[in-house]
């Protein structure tokens, strides 16, 4: 856990490490909490409390975790911070990350694995340092 920067990120690492069965030489470098992003959710945020309820129901939370060689996206509990099944699993050197849009509260990023699925996630600003660490880890793996 060399790159982890925030207290929230350290808690996310602990939860994810309990769920994943990693080899003894691997450890979680970066972990953060994000939410699945769908285009119409941006409009829901302007509807006040009703929009917050729609966002809570539709925007599935998930944990994003990376080792030196692999990237995982795992389901998270909606109301309790539990870790569920894997949604996205790819070698780190085959993953590309790009910022789709950015606002004052959330950054929307797109994780793409070469020849595989794509995840579009919204990351709250509390996890932006961890997102930057994930971005640099992916860039380093792509350069190697």
Protein backbone atom coordinates (compact mmCIF):
# COMPACT_ATOMS: atom_id res chain seq x y z
CA UNK A 1 0.00 0.00 0.00
CA UNK A 2 2.60 2.51 -1.06
CA UNK A 3 0.54 5.01 -3.05
CA UNK A 4 -2.53 5.26 -0.82
CA UNK A 5 -3.04 8.81 0.35
CA UNK A 6 -6.35 9.32 2.14
CA UNK A 7 -7.90 7.82 5.24
CA UNK A 8 -10.98 6.87 3.21
CA UNK A 9 -8.72 5.12 0.73
CA UNK A 10 -7.01 3.13 3.48
CA UNK A 11 -10.44 1.95 4.70
CA UNK A 12 -11.35 0.96 1.15
CA UNK A 13 -8.10 -1.02 0.86
CA UNK A 14 -8.87 -2.93 4.05
CA UNK A 15 -12.37 -3.85 2.85
CA UNK A 16 -11.20 -4.92 -0.61
CA UNK A 17 -8.23 -6.94 0.68
CA UNK A 18 -10.61 -8.96 2.85
CA UNK A 19 -12.70 -9.81 -0.23
CA UNK A 20 -10.02 -10.49 -2.87
CA UNK A 21 -7.86 -13.57 -2.73
CA UNK A 22 -4.51 -12.08 -3.77
CA UNK A 23 -1.20 -13.88 -4.14
CA UNK A 24 1.20 -13.36 -1.25
CA UNK A 25 3.47 -11.12 -3.35
CA UNK A 26 0.60 -8.79 -4.37
CA UNK A 27 -1.01 -6.06 -2.34
CA UNK A 28 -3.55 -3.36 -3.05
CA UNK A 29 -1.77 -0.18 -4.13
CA UNK A 30 -4.81 2.06 -4.64
CA UNK A 31 -8.47 1.67 -3.71
CA UNK A 32 -11.35 4.11 -3.90
CA UNK A 33 -15.12 4.21 -3.81
CA UNK A 34 -16.96 5.26 -6.98
CA UNK A 35 -20.44 5.05 -8.45
CA UNK A 36 -21.63 3.71 -11.77
CA UNK A 37 -22.38 6.68 -13.99
CA UNK A 38 -25.24 6.88 -16.46
CA UNK A 39 -25.78 10.02 -18.59
CA UNK A 40 -29.27 10.89 -17.29
CA UNK A 41 -28.06 10.91 -13.67
CA UNK A 42 -26.65 14.39 -14.15
CA UNK A 43 -30.20 15.72 -14.55
CA UNK A 44 -31.37 13.87 -11.43
CA UNK A 45 -28.91 15.84 -9.30
CA UNK A 46 -30.88 19.03 -10.03
CA UNK A 47 -34.13 17.62 -8.63
CA UNK A 48 -33.19 18.11 -5.01
CA UNK A 49 -34.12 15.39 -2.52
CA UNK A 50 -36.05 13.41 -5.14
CA UNK A 51 -33.02 13.49 -7.44
CA UNK A 52 -30.81 12.29 -4.59
CA UNK A 53 -33.16 9.34 -4.10
CA UNK A 54 -33.06 8.47 -7.81
CA UNK A 55 -29.26 8.78 -7.74
CA UNK A 56 -29.04 6.46 -4.72
CA UNK A 57 -31.18 3.83 -6.41
CA UNK A 58 -29.64 3.93 -9.89
CA UNK A 59 -25.97 4.83 -9.32
CA UNK A 60 -24.60 1.53 -8.07
CA UNK A 61 -21.59 2.11 -5.76
CA UNK A 62 -18.43 0.11 -6.39
CA UNK A 63 -14.86 -0.19 -5.19
CA UNK A 64 -12.01 0.34 -7.65
CA UNK A 65 -8.80 -1.37 -6.54
CA UNK A 66 -5.45 -1.84 -8.24
CA UNK A 67 -2.38 -3.94 -7.53
CA UNK A 68 0.91 -3.51 -9.41
CA UNK A 69 -0.42 -5.83 -12.13
CA UNK A 70 -4.23 -5.89 -12.00
CA UNK A 71 -7.28 -3.62 -11.78
CA UNK A 72 -10.53 -4.71 -10.12
CA UNK A 73 -13.95 -3.08 -9.90
CA UNK A 74 -16.15 -4.69 -7.24
CA UNK A 75 -19.76 -4.05 -6.28
CA UNK A 76 -20.30 -2.20 -3.01
CA UNK A 77 -23.27 -2.04 -0.68
CA UNK A 78 -25.65 0.85 -1.21
CA UNK A 79 -26.21 1.73 2.44
CA UNK A 80 -23.50 -0.26 4.22
CA UNK A 81 -19.86 -0.34 3.03
CA UNK A 82 -19.66 -4.03 2.09
CA UNK A 83 -17.72 -5.49 -0.84
CA UNK A 84 -19.50 -7.72 -3.37
CA UNK A 85 -18.66 -9.54 -6.60
CA UNK A 86 -16.21 -8.45 -9.30
CA UNK A 87 -17.69 -6.37 -12.10
CA UNK A 88 -14.48 -5.57 -13.99
CA UNK A 89 -11.18 -7.42 -13.87
CA UNK A 90 -8.25 -6.72 -16.19
CA UNK A 91 -4.45 -6.67 -16.26
CA UNK A 92 -3.25 -3.17 -15.41
CA UNK A 93 -1.14 -2.79 -18.56
CA UNK A 94 -4.27 -3.37 -20.71
CA UNK A 95 -6.43 -0.77 -18.95
CA UNK A 96 -6.90 2.78 -20.19
CA UNK A 97 -8.39 5.54 -18.06
CA UNK A 98 -9.73 8.81 -19.40
CA UNK A 99 -11.60 11.65 -17.80
CA UNK A 100 -14.99 11.99 -19.47
CA UNK A 101 -16.10 15.12 -17.61
CA UNK A 102 -15.34 16.99 -14.44
CA UNK A 103 -17.35 19.14 -12.10
CA UNK A 104 -16.93 20.73 -8.68
CA UNK A 105 -18.11 17.60 -6.83
CA UNK A 106 -17.55 14.61 -9.14
CA UNK A 107 -15.19 13.49 -11.86
CA UNK A 108 -16.54 11.02 -14.37
CA UNK A 109 -13.91 8.62 -15.68
CA UNK A 110 -14.04 5.83 -18.21
CA UNK A 111 -12.09 2.62 -17.57
CA UNK A 112 -11.56 0.56 -20.70
CA UNK A 113 -9.83 -2.76 -21.05
CA UNK A 114 -8.36 -3.58 -24.45
CA UNK A 115 -10.81 -5.85 -26.23
CA UNK A 116 -13.18 -6.02 -23.27
CA UNK A 117 -15.82 -4.19 -21.31
CA UNK A 118 -15.97 -0.56 -20.30
CA UNK A 119 -16.95 1.02 -16.98
CA UNK A 120 -17.98 4.63 -16.61
CA UNK A 121 -17.66 5.78 -13.01
CA UNK A 122 -18.29 8.94 -11.01
CA UNK A 123 -15.72 9.66 -8.30
CA UNK A 124 -16.52 12.07 -5.47
CA UNK A 125 -13.92 14.75 -4.76
CA UNK A 126 -13.03 13.08 -1.45
CA UNK A 127 -11.35 10.35 -3.54
CA UNK A 128 -9.65 12.55 -6.15
CA UNK A 129 -6.17 12.03 -4.67
CA UNK A 130 -6.69 8.28 -4.87
CA UNK A 131 -8.00 8.63 -8.43
CA UNK A 132 -4.85 10.56 -9.38
CA UNK A 133 -2.74 7.80 -7.81
CA UNK A 134 -4.69 5.20 -9.82
CA UNK A 135 -4.14 7.23 -12.99
CA UNK A 136 -0.38 7.39 -12.42
CA UNK A 137 -0.27 3.66 -11.62
CA UNK A 138 -2.07 2.84 -14.90
CA UNK A 139 0.23 5.19 -16.83
CA UNK A 140 3.31 3.54 -15.29
CA UNK A 141 2.04 0.07 -16.20
CA UNK A 142 1.29 1.18 -19.77
CA UNK A 143 4.79 2.66 -20.14
CA UNK A 144 6.50 -0.50 -18.89
